[in-house]
Amino acid sequence: KGRFTASRDVSKNTLSLQMNSLKPEDTALYYCARY
């Protein structure tokens, strides 16, 4: 919280995740998910 921003664009049918101020502990495999 405060470093990442998620957004979705219906016109482009796209989900995004802007990640700023990245830290070594953010290292991971990132998955998109539909509930």
Full PDB file with SEQRES, HELIX, SHEET, SSBOND, CRYST1, ORIGX, SCALE, CONECT and MASTER records, all heavy atoms in Angstrom:
SEQRES   1 A   35  LYS GLY ARG PHE THR ALA SER ARG ASP VAL SER LYS ASN          
SEQRES   2 A   35  THR LEU SER LEU GLN MET ASN SER LEU LYS PRO GLU ASP          
SEQRES   3 A   35  THR ALA LEU TYR TYR CYS ALA ARG TYR                          
HELIX    1 AA1 PRO A   24  ASP A   26  5                                   3    
SHEET    1 AA1 2 PHE A   4  ASP A   9  0                                        
SHEET    2 AA1 2 THR A  14  MET A  19 -1                                        
CRYST1    1.000    1.000    1.000  90.00  90.00  90.00 P 1           1          
ORIGX1      1.000000  0.000000  0.000000        0.00000                         
ORIGX2      0.000000  1.000000  0.000000        0.00000                         
ORIGX3      0.000000  0.000000  1.000000        0.00000                         
SCALE1      1.000000  0.000000  0.000000        0.00000                         
SCALE2      0.000000  1.000000  0.000000        0.00000                         
SCALE3      0.000000  0.000000  1.000000        0.00000                         
ATOM      1  N   LYS A   1       0.838  -1.202   0.000  1.00  0.00           N  
ATOM      2  CA  LYS A   1       0.000   0.000   0.000  1.00  0.00           C  
ATOM      3  C   LYS A   1       0.870   1.248   0.000  1.00  0.00           C  
ATOM      4  O   LYS A   1       1.824   1.361   0.763  1.00  0.00           O  
ATOM      5  CB  LYS A   1      -0.926  -0.003   1.210  1.00  0.00           C  
ATOM      6  CG  LYS A   1      -2.032   1.026   1.133  1.00  0.00           C  
ATOM      7  CD  LYS A   1      -3.034   0.819   2.262  1.00  0.00           C  
ATOM      8  CE  LYS A   1      -4.202   1.767   2.120  1.00  0.00           C  
ATOM      9  NZ  LYS A   1      -5.223   1.563   3.186  1.00  0.00           N  
ATOM     10  N   GLY A   2       0.546   2.181  -0.888  1.00  0.00           N  
ATOM     11  CA  GLY A   2       1.322   3.400  -1.017  1.00  0.00           C  
ATOM     12  C   GLY A   2       2.425   3.312  -2.048  1.00  0.00           C  
ATOM     13  O   GLY A   2       2.980   4.334  -2.459  1.00  0.00           O  
ATOM     14  N   ARG A   3       2.762   2.102  -2.472  1.00  0.00           N  
ATOM     15  CA  ARG A   3       3.814   1.914  -3.488  1.00  0.00           C  
ATOM     16  C   ARG A   3       3.251   1.350  -4.788  1.00  0.00           C  
ATOM     17  O   ARG A   3       3.757   1.669  -5.864  1.00  0.00           O  
ATOM     18  CB  ARG A   3       4.889   0.961  -2.963  1.00  0.00           C  
ATOM     19  CG  ARG A   3       5.588   1.447  -1.709  1.00  0.00           C  
ATOM     20  CD  ARG A   3       6.774   0.550  -1.355  1.00  0.00           C  
ATOM     21  NE  ARG A   3       6.348  -0.817  -1.046  1.00  0.00           N  
ATOM     22  CZ  ARG A   3       6.802  -1.887  -1.692  1.00  0.00           C  
ATOM     23  NH1 ARG A   3       7.668  -1.760  -2.676  1.00  0.00           N  
ATOM     24  NH2 ARG A   3       6.386  -3.100  -1.343  1.00  0.00           N  
ATOM     25  N   PHE A   4       2.230   0.511  -4.695  1.00  0.00           N  
ATOM     26  CA  PHE A   4       1.635  -0.124  -5.869  1.00  0.00           C  
ATOM     27  C   PHE A   4       0.261   0.501  -6.141  1.00  0.00           C  
ATOM     28  O   PHE A   4      -0.463   0.851  -5.202  1.00  0.00           O  
ATOM     29  CB  PHE A   4       1.439  -1.619  -5.647  1.00  0.00           C  
ATOM     30  CG  PHE A   4       2.708  -2.435  -5.583  1.00  0.00           C  
ATOM     31  CD1 PHE A   4       3.957  -1.844  -5.481  1.00  0.00           C  
ATOM     32  CD2 PHE A   4       2.630  -3.821  -5.626  1.00  0.00           C  
ATOM     33  CE1 PHE A   4       5.114  -2.607  -5.416  1.00  0.00           C  
ATOM     34  CE2 PHE A   4       3.770  -4.596  -5.565  1.00  0.00           C  
ATOM     35  CZ  PHE A   4       5.015  -3.991  -5.450  1.00  0.00           C  
ATOM     36  N   THR A   5      -0.087   0.586  -7.419  1.00  0.00           N  
ATOM     37  CA  THR A   5      -1.398   1.075  -7.821  1.00  0.00           C  
ATOM     38  C   THR A   5      -1.996   0.131  -8.856  1.00  0.00           C  
ATOM     39  O   THR A   5      -1.406  -0.084  -9.922  1.00  0.00           O  
ATOM     40  CB  THR A   5      -1.309   2.489  -8.418  1.00  0.00           C  
ATOM     41  OG1 THR A   5      -0.727   3.378  -7.462  1.00  0.00           O  
ATOM     42  CG2 THR A   5      -2.700   2.995  -8.784  1.00  0.00           C  
ATOM     43  N   ALA A   6      -3.139  -0.436  -8.525  1.00  0.00           N  
ATOM     44  CA  ALA A   6      -3.852  -1.311  -9.455  1.00  0.00           C  
ATOM     45  C   ALA A   6      -4.927  -0.512 -10.177  1.00  0.00           C  
ATOM     46  O   ALA A   6      -5.523   0.400  -9.602  1.00  0.00           O  
ATOM     47  CB  ALA A   6      -4.479  -2.478  -8.703  1.00  0.00           C  
ATOM     48  N   SER A   7      -5.161  -0.881 -11.419  1.00  0.00           N  
ATOM     49  CA  SER A   7      -6.196  -0.195 -12.190  1.00  0.00           C  
ATOM     50  C   SER A   7      -6.757  -1.155 -13.226  1.00  0.00           C  
ATOM     51  O   SER A   7      -6.126  -2.167 -13.557  1.00  0.00           O  
ATOM     52  CB  SER A   7      -5.637   1.051 -12.876  1.00  0.00           C  
ATOM     53  OG  SER A   7      -4.603   0.702 -13.775  1.00  0.00           O  
ATOM     54  N   ARG A   8      -7.939  -0.816 -13.718  1.00  0.00           N  
ATOM     55  CA  ARG A   8      -8.493  -1.609 -14.809  1.00  0.00           C  
ATOM     56  C   ARG A   8      -9.112  -0.686 -15.833  1.00  0.00           C  
ATOM     57  O   ARG A   8      -9.722   0.323 -15.473  1.00  0.00           O  
ATOM     58  CB  ARG A   8      -9.478  -2.648 -14.324  1.00  0.00           C  
ATOM     59  CG  ARG A   8     -10.623  -2.185 -13.468  1.00  0.00           C  
ATOM     60  CD  ARG A   8     -11.457  -3.400 -13.124  1.00  0.00           C  
ATOM     61  NE  ARG A   8     -12.452  -3.154 -12.117  1.00  0.00           N  
ATOM     62  CZ  ARG A   8     -13.216  -4.121 -11.609  1.00  0.00           C  
ATOM     63  NH1 ARG A   8     -13.071  -5.367 -12.018  1.00  0.00           N  
ATOM     64  NH2 ARG A   8     -14.127  -3.837 -10.695  1.00  0.00           N  
ATOM     65  N   ASP A   9      -8.938  -1.046 -17.087  1.00  0.00           N  
ATOM     66  CA  ASP A   9      -9.413  -0.254 -18.213  1.00  0.00           C  
ATOM     67  C   ASP A   9     -10.392  -1.115 -19.000  1.00  0.00           C  
ATOM     68  O   ASP A   9      -9.990  -2.037 -19.702  1.00  0.00           O  
ATOM     69  CB  ASP A   9      -8.218   0.173 -19.080  1.00  0.00           C  
ATOM     70  CG  ASP A   9      -8.607   1.156 -20.161  1.00  0.00           C  
ATOM     71  OD1 ASP A   9      -9.756   1.100 -20.647  1.00  0.00           O  
ATOM     72  OD2 ASP A   9      -7.765   1.971 -20.545  1.00  0.00           O  
ATOM     73  N   VAL A  10     -11.678  -0.774 -18.871  1.00  0.00           N  
ATOM     74  CA  VAL A  10     -12.702  -1.568 -19.535  1.00  0.00           C  
ATOM     75  C   VAL A  10     -12.573  -1.467 -21.048  1.00  0.00           C  
ATOM     76  O   VAL A  10     -12.744  -2.461 -21.760  1.00  0.00           O  
ATOM     77  CB  VAL A  10     -14.100  -1.118 -19.073  1.00  0.00           C  
ATOM     78  CG1 VAL A  10     -15.181  -1.850 -19.852  1.00  0.00           C  
ATOM     79  CG2 VAL A  10     -14.271  -1.352 -17.587  1.00  0.00           C  
ATOM     80  N   SER A  11     -12.220  -0.283 -21.549  1.00  0.00           N  
ATOM     81  CA  SER A  11     -12.133  -0.093 -23.001  1.00  0.00           C  
ATOM     82  C   SER A  11     -11.026  -0.942 -23.623  1.00  0.00           C  
ATOM     83  O   SER A  11     -11.123  -1.363 -24.772  1.00  0.00           O  
ATOM     84  CB  SER A  11     -11.898   1.381 -23.329  1.00  0.00           C  
ATOM     85  OG  SER A  11     -10.643   1.805 -22.840  1.00  0.00           O  
ATOM     86  N   LYS A  12      -9.966  -1.207 -22.830  1.00  0.00           N  
ATOM     87  CA  LYS A  12      -8.848  -2.020 -23.327  1.00  0.00           C  
ATOM     88  C   LYS A  12      -8.900  -3.446 -22.786  1.00  0.00           C  
ATOM     89  O   LYS A  12      -8.026  -4.261 -23.109  1.00  0.00           O  
ATOM     90  CB  LYS A  12      -7.519  -1.370 -22.933  1.00  0.00           C  
ATOM     91  CG  LYS A  12      -7.287  -0.008 -23.568  1.00  0.00           C  
ATOM     92  CD  LYS A  12      -5.954   0.580 -23.138  1.00  0.00           C  
ATOM     93  CE  LYS A  12      -5.731   1.941 -23.770  1.00  0.00           C  
ATOM     94  NZ  LYS A  12      -4.445   2.549 -23.348  1.00  0.00           N  
ATOM     95  N   ASN A  13      -9.910  -3.718 -21.948  1.00  0.00           N  
ATOM     96  CA  ASN A  13     -10.045  -5.050 -21.351  1.00  0.00           C  
ATOM     97  C   ASN A  13      -8.755  -5.482 -20.660  1.00  0.00           C  
ATOM     98  O   ASN A  13      -8.280  -6.617 -20.817  1.00  0.00           O  
ATOM     99  CB  ASN A  13     -10.427  -6.075 -22.427  1.00  0.00           C  
ATOM    100  CG  ASN A  13     -11.230  -7.226 -21.871  1.00  0.00           C  
ATOM    101  OD1 ASN A  13     -12.080  -7.039 -21.000  1.00  0.00           O  
ATOM    102  ND2 ASN A  13     -10.987  -8.421 -22.364  1.00  0.00           N  
ATOM    103  N   THR A  14      -8.197  -4.557 -19.871  1.00  0.00           N  
ATOM    104  CA  THR A  14      -6.884  -4.779 -19.276  1.00  0.00           C  
ATOM    105  C   THR A  14      -6.877  -4.445 -17.790  1.00  0.00           C  
ATOM    106  O   THR A  14      -7.454  -3.450 -17.366  1.00  0.00           O  
ATOM    107  CB  THR A  14      -5.825  -3.913 -19.989  1.00  0.00           C  
ATOM    108  OG1 THR A  14      -5.773  -4.276 -21.368  1.00  0.00           O  
ATOM    109  CG2 THR A  14      -4.449  -4.106 -19.368  1.00  0.00           C  
ATOM    110  N   LEU A  15      -6.195  -5.288 -17.021  1.00  0.00           N  
ATOM    111  CA  LEU A  15      -5.924  -5.047 -15.607  1.00  0.00           C  
ATOM    112  C   LEU A  15      -4.445  -4.713 -15.495  1.00  0.00           C  
ATOM    113  O   LEU A  15      -3.618  -5.377 -16.131  1.00  0.00           O  
ATOM    114  CB  LEU A  15      -6.241  -6.308 -14.799  1.00  0.00           C  
ATOM    115  CG  LEU A  15      -5.918  -6.287 -13.311  1.00  0.00           C  
ATOM    116  CD1 LEU A  15      -6.879  -5.359 -12.576  1.00  0.00           C  
ATOM    117  CD2 LEU A  15      -6.004  -7.695 -12.740  1.00  0.00           C  
ATOM    118  N   SER A  16      -4.106  -3.697 -14.703  1.00  0.00           N  
ATOM    119  CA  SER A  16      -2.712  -3.274 -14.592  1.00  0.00           C  
ATOM    120  C   SER A  16      -2.286  -3.171 -13.139  1.00  0.00           C  
ATOM    121  O   SER A  16      -3.121  -3.032 -12.238  1.00  0.00           O  
ATOM    122  CB  SER A  16      -2.508  -1.916 -15.269  1.00  0.00           C  
ATOM    123  OG  SER A  16      -2.833  -1.971 -16.648  1.00  0.00           O  
ATOM    124  N   LEU A  17      -0.971  -3.230 -12.935  1.00  0.00           N  
ATOM    125  CA  LEU A  17      -0.388  -3.025 -11.609  1.00  0.00           C  
ATOM    126  C   LEU A  17       0.878  -2.211 -11.780  1.00  0.00           C  
ATOM    127  O   LEU A  17       1.880  -2.706 -12.298  1.00  0.00           O  
ATOM    128  CB  LEU A  17      -0.066  -4.364 -10.928  1.00  0.00           C  
ATOM    129  CG  LEU A  17       0.461  -4.255  -9.498  1.00  0.00           C  
ATOM    130  CD1 LEU A  17      -0.645  -3.743  -8.572  1.00  0.00           C  
ATOM    131  CD2 LEU A  17       0.977  -5.602  -9.006  1.00  0.00           C  
ATOM    132  N   GLN A  18       0.825  -0.955 -11.356  1.00  0.00           N  
ATOM    133  CA  GLN A  18       1.988  -0.078 -11.379  1.00  0.00           C  
ATOM    134  C   GLN A  18       2.726  -0.246 -10.054  1.00  0.00           C  
ATOM    135  O   GLN A  18       2.142  -0.017  -8.993  1.00  0.00           O  
ATOM    136  CB  GLN A  18       1.564   1.373 -11.571  1.00  0.00           C  
ATOM    137  CG  GLN A  18       2.712   2.372 -11.517  1.00  0.00           C  
ATOM    138  CD  GLN A  18       3.658   2.228 -12.692  1.00  0.00           C  
ATOM    139  OE1 GLN A  18       3.236   2.123 -13.836  1.00  0.00           O  
ATOM    140  NE2 GLN A  18       4.959   2.218 -12.407  1.00  0.00           N  
ATOM    141  N   MET A  19       3.983  -0.638 -10.147  1.00  0.00           N  
ATOM    142  CA  MET A  19       4.771  -0.905  -8.943  1.00  0.00           C  
ATOM    143  C   MET A  19       5.926   0.086  -8.866  1.00  0.00           C  
ATOM    144  O   MET A  19       6.784   0.118  -9.755  1.00  0.00           O  
ATOM    145  CB  MET A  19       5.303  -2.341  -8.991  1.00  0.00           C  
ATOM    146  CG  MET A  19       4.221  -3.384  -9.164  1.00  0.00           C  
ATOM    147  SD  MET A  19       4.843  -5.074  -9.125  1.00  0.00           S  
ATOM    148  CE  MET A  19       5.853  -5.086 -10.593  1.00  0.00           C  
ATOM    149  N   ASN A  20       5.925   0.909  -7.825  1.00  0.00           N  
ATOM    150  CA  ASN A  20       6.970   1.900  -7.608  1.00  0.00           C  
ATOM    151  C   ASN A  20       7.735   1.591  -6.324  1.00  0.00           C  
ATOM    152  O   ASN A  20       7.274   0.819  -5.490  1.00  0.00           O  
ATOM    153  CB  ASN A  20       6.360   3.295  -7.523  1.00  0.00           C  
ATOM    154  CG  ASN A  20       5.650   3.713  -8.794  1.00  0.00           C  
ATOM    155  OD1 ASN A  20       6.028   3.322  -9.894  1.00  0.00           O  
ATOM    156  ND2 ASN A  20       4.603   4.508  -8.651  1.00  0.00           N  
ATOM    157  N   SER A  21       8.893   2.226  -6.188  1.00  0.00           N  
ATOM    158  CA  SER A  21       9.717   2.043  -4.984  1.00  0.00           C  
ATOM    159  C   SER A  21       9.899   0.563  -4.646  1.00  0.00           C  
ATOM    160  O   SER A  21       9.727   0.147  -3.501  1.00  0.00           O  
ATOM    161  CB  SER A  21       9.072   2.776  -3.796  1.00  0.00           C  
ATOM    162  OG  SER A  21       8.919   4.149  -4.074  1.00  0.00           O  
ATOM    163  N   LEU A  22      10.255  -0.196  -5.641  1.00  0.00           N  
ATOM    164  CA  LEU A  22      10.363  -1.644  -5.468  1.00  0.00           C  
ATOM    165  C   LEU A  22      11.497  -2.013  -4.528  1.00  0.00           C  
ATOM    166  O   LEU A  22      12.550  -1.355  -4.484  1.00  0.00           O  
ATOM    167  CB  LEU A  22      10.558  -2.318  -6.836  1.00  0.00           C  
ATOM    168  CG  LEU A  22       9.261  -2.431  -7.655  1.00  0.00           C  
ATOM    169  CD1 LEU A  22       9.563  -2.664  -9.122  1.00  0.00           C  
ATOM    170  CD2 LEU A  22       8.390  -3.553  -7.097  1.00  0.00           C  
ATOM    171  N   LYS A  23      11.259  -3.076  -3.766  1.00  0.00           N  
ATOM    172  CA  LYS A  23      12.215  -3.570  -2.778  1.00  0.00           C  
ATOM    173  C   LYS A  23      12.594  -5.008  -3.126  1.00  0.00           C  
ATOM    174  O   LYS A  23      11.827  -5.717  -3.776  1.00  0.00           O  
ATOM    175  CB  LYS A  23      11.573  -3.545  -1.388  1.00  0.00           C  
ATOM    176  CG  LYS A  23      11.027  -2.198  -0.962  1.00  0.00           C  
ATOM    177  CD  LYS A  23      10.307  -2.312   0.373  1.00  0.00           C  
ATOM    178  CE  LYS A  23       9.715  -0.979   0.801  1.00  0.00           C  
ATOM    179  NZ  LYS A  23       9.005  -1.090   2.107  1.00  0.00           N  
ATOM    180  N   PRO A  24      13.736  -5.468  -2.663  1.00  0.00           N  
ATOM    181  CA  PRO A  24      14.118  -6.860  -2.927  1.00  0.00           C  
ATOM    182  C   PRO A  24      13.057  -7.855  -2.468  1.00  0.00           C  
ATOM    183  O   PRO A  24      12.859  -8.891  -3.119  1.00  0.00           O  
ATOM    184  CB  PRO A  24      15.420  -7.015  -2.136  1.00  0.00           C  
ATOM    185  CG  PRO A  24      16.009  -5.652  -2.131  1.00  0.00           C  
ATOM    186  CD  PRO A  24      14.831  -4.722  -2.006  1.00  0.00           C  
ATOM    187  N   GLU A  25      12.345  -7.541  -1.401  1.00  0.00           N  
ATOM    188  CA  GLU A  25      11.315  -8.457  -0.898  1.00  0.00           C  
ATOM    189  C   GLU A  25      10.079  -8.498  -1.785  1.00  0.00           C  
ATOM    190  O   GLU A  25       9.182  -9.310  -1.552  1.00  0.00           O  
ATOM    191  CB  GLU A  25      10.930  -8.115   0.539  1.00  0.00           C  
ATOM    192  CG  GLU A  25      10.564  -6.661   0.770  1.00  0.00           C  
ATOM    193  CD  GLU A  25      11.737  -5.858   1.307  1.00  0.00           C  
ATOM    194  OE1 GLU A  25      12.882  -6.024   0.811  1.00  0.00           O  
ATOM    195  OE2 GLU A  25      11.495  -5.026   2.232  1.00  0.00           O  
ATOM    196  N   ASP A  26      10.009  -7.636  -2.795  1.00  0.00           N  
ATOM    197  CA  ASP A  26       8.924  -7.705  -3.776  1.00  0.00           C  
ATOM    198  C   ASP A  26       9.202  -8.744  -4.853  1.00  0.00           C  
ATOM    199  O   ASP A  26       8.343  -9.017  -5.698  1.00  0.00           O  
ATOM    200  CB  ASP A  26       8.717  -6.342  -4.446  1.00  0.00           C  
ATOM    201  CG  ASP A  26       8.222  -5.272  -3.485  1.00  0.00           C  
ATOM    202  OD1 ASP A  26       7.327  -5.586  -2.674  1.00  0.00           O  
ATOM    203  OD2 ASP A  26       8.721  -4.134  -3.573  1.00  0.00           O  
ATOM    204  N   THR A  27      10.391  -9.304  -4.845  1.00  0.00           N  
ATOM    205  CA  THR A  27      10.746 -10.331  -5.829  1.00  0.00           C  
ATOM    206  C   THR A  27       9.814 -11.529  -5.704  1.00  0.00           C  
ATOM    207  O   THR A  27       9.670 -12.102  -4.620  1.00  0.00           O  
ATOM    208  CB  THR A  27      12.202 -10.783  -5.629  1.00  0.00           C  
ATOM    209  OG1 THR A  27      13.073  -9.677  -5.902  1.00  0.00           O  
ATOM    210  CG2 THR A  27      12.554 -11.947  -6.545  1.00  0.00           C  
ATOM    211  N   ALA A  28       9.163 -11.877  -6.811  1.00  0.00           N  
ATOM    212  CA  ALA A  28       8.178 -12.959  -6.795  1.00  0.00           C  
ATOM    213  C   ALA A  28       7.642 -13.196  -8.199  1.00  0.00           C  
ATOM    214  O   ALA A  28       7.872 -12.384  -9.112  1.00  0.00           O  
ATOM    215  CB  ALA A  28       7.022 -12.623  -5.859  1.00  0.00           C  
ATOM    216  N   LEU A  29       6.905 -14.262  -8.322  1.00  0.00           N  
ATOM    217  CA  LEU A  29       6.112 -14.515  -9.526  1.00  0.00           C  
ATOM    218  C   LEU A  29       4.753 -13.878  -9.279  1.00  0.00           C  
ATOM    219  O   LEU A  29       4.094 -14.180  -8.276  1.00  0.00           O  
ATOM    220  CB  LEU A  29       5.992 -16.013  -9.767  1.00  0.00           C  
ATOM    221  CG  LEU A  29       5.484 -16.494 -11.116  1.00  0.00           C  
ATOM    222  CD1 LEU A  29       6.371 -15.989 -12.252  1.00  0.00           C  
ATOM    223  CD2 LEU A  29       5.430 -18.021 -11.134  1.00  0.00           C  
ATOM    224  N   TYR A  30       4.354 -12.962 -10.158  1.00  0.00           N  
ATOM    225  CA  TYR A  30       3.109 -12.218  -9.985  1.00  0.00           C  
ATOM    226  C   TYR A  30       2.025 -12.801 -10.882  1.00  0.00           C  
ATOM    227  O   TYR A  30       2.250 -13.013 -12.086  1.00  0.00           O  
ATOM    228  CB  TYR A  30       3.323 -10.738 -10.312  1.00  0.00           C  
ATOM    229  CG  TYR A  30       4.017  -9.996  -9.199  1.00  0.00           C  
ATOM    230  CD1 TYR A  30       5.367 -10.219  -8.929  1.00  0.00           C  
ATOM    231  CD2 TYR A  30       3.328  -9.087  -8.401  1.00  0.00           C  
ATOM    232  CE1 TYR A  30       6.001  -9.567  -7.888  1.00  0.00           C  
ATOM    233  CE2 TYR A  30       3.951  -8.420  -7.366  1.00  0.00           C  
ATOM    234  CZ  TYR A  30       5.297  -8.662  -7.107  1.00  0.00           C  
ATOM    235  OH  TYR A  30       5.921  -8.014  -6.081  1.00  0.00           O  
ATOM    236  N   TYR A  31       0.845 -13.016 -10.290  1.00  0.00           N  
ATOM    237  CA  TYR A  31      -0.261 -13.635 -10.992  1.00  0.00           C  
ATOM    238  C   TYR A  31      -1.460 -12.696 -11.071  1.00  0.00           C  
ATOM    239  O   TYR A  31      -1.843 -12.076 -10.067  1.00  0.00           O  
ATOM    240  CB  TYR A  31      -0.719 -14.901 -10.267  1.00  0.00           C  
ATOM    241  CG  TYR A  31       0.283 -16.013 -10.227  1.00  0.00           C  
ATOM    242  CD1 TYR A  31       1.173 -16.127  -9.155  1.00  0.00           C  
ATOM    243  CD2 TYR A  31       0.346 -16.965 -11.236  1.00  0.00           C  
ATOM    244  CE1 TYR A  31       2.091 -17.164  -9.103  1.00  0.00           C  
ATOM    245  CE2 TYR A  31       1.252 -18.000 -11.191  1.00  0.00           C  
ATOM    246  CZ  TYR A  31       2.123 -18.092 -10.126  1.00  0.00           C  
ATOM    247  OH  TYR A  31       3.026 -19.117 -10.077  1.00  0.00           O  
ATOM    248  N   CYS A  32      -2.046 -12.646 -12.231  1.00  0.00           N  
ATOM    249  CA  CYS A  32      -3.336 -12.003 -12.433  1.00  0.00           C  
ATOM    250  C   CYS A  32      -4.418 -13.020 -12.046  1.00  0.00           C  
ATOM    251  O   CYS A  32      -4.244 -14.231 -12.285  1.00  0.00           O  
ATOM    252  CB  CYS A  32      -3.429 -11.616 -13.908  1.00  0.00           C  
ATOM    253  SG  CYS A  32      -5.014 -11.006 -14.469  1.00  0.00           S  
ATOM    254  N   ALA A  33      -5.518 -12.545 -11.461  1.00  0.00           N  
ATOM    255  CA  ALA A  33      -6.544 -13.462 -10.990  1.00  0.00           C  
ATOM    256  C   ALA A  33      -7.945 -12.927 -11.241  1.00  0.00           C  
ATOM    257  O   ALA A  33      -8.186 -11.725 -11.092  1.00  0.00           O  
ATOM    258  CB  ALA A  33      -6.358 -13.712  -9.494  1.00  0.00           C  
ATOM    259  N   ARG A  34      -8.845 -13.829 -11.592  1.00  0.00           N  
ATOM    260  CA  ARG A  34     -10.265 -13.502 -11.659  1.00  0.00           C  
ATOM    261  C   ARG A  34     -10.968 -14.339 -10.617  1.00  0.00           C  
ATOM    262  O   ARG A  34     -10.837 -15.567 -10.588  1.00  0.00           O  
ATOM    263  CB  ARG A  34     -10.848 -13.783 -13.048  1.00  0.00           C  
ATOM    264  CG  ARG A  34     -12.269 -13.244 -13.196  1.00  0.00           C  
ATOM    265  CD  ARG A  34     -12.853 -13.528 -14.548  1.00  0.00           C  
ATOM    266  NE  ARG A  34     -13.195 -14.945 -14.710  1.00  0.00           N  
ATOM    267  CZ  ARG A  34     -13.882 -15.418 -15.736  1.00  0.00           C  
ATOM    268  NH1 ARG A  34     -14.284 -14.600 -16.690  1.00  0.00           N  
ATOM    269  NH2 ARG A  34     -14.139 -16.715 -15.818  1.00  0.00           N  
ATOM    270  N   TYR A  35     -11.716 -13.652  -9.758  1.00  0.00           N  
ATOM    271  CA  TYR A  35     -12.397 -14.347  -8.672  1.00  0.00           C  
ATOM    272  C   TYR A  35     -13.683 -15.010  -9.149  1.00  0.00           C  
ATOM    273  O   TYR A  35     -14.283 -14.611 -10.140  1.00  0.00           O  
ATOM    274  CB  TYR A  35     -12.744 -13.363  -7.553  1.00  0.00           C  
ATOM    275  CG  TYR A  35     -11.554 -12.770  -6.850  1.00  0.00           C  
ATOM    276  CD1 TYR A  35     -10.990 -11.582  -7.295  1.00  0.00           C  
ATOM    277  CD2 TYR A  35     -10.997 -13.382  -5.735  1.00  0.00           C  
ATOM    278  CE1 TYR A  35      -9.901 -11.018  -6.651  1.00  0.00           C  
ATOM    279  CE2 TYR A  35      -9.907 -12.827  -5.079  1.00  0.00           C  
ATOM    280  CZ  TYR A  35      -9.366 -11.649  -5.549  1.00  0.00           C  
ATOM    281  OH  TYR A  35      -8.287 -11.096  -4.902  1.00  0.00           O  
TER     282      TYR A  35                                                      
MASTER        0    0    0    1    2    0    0    6  281    1    0    3          
END                                                                             
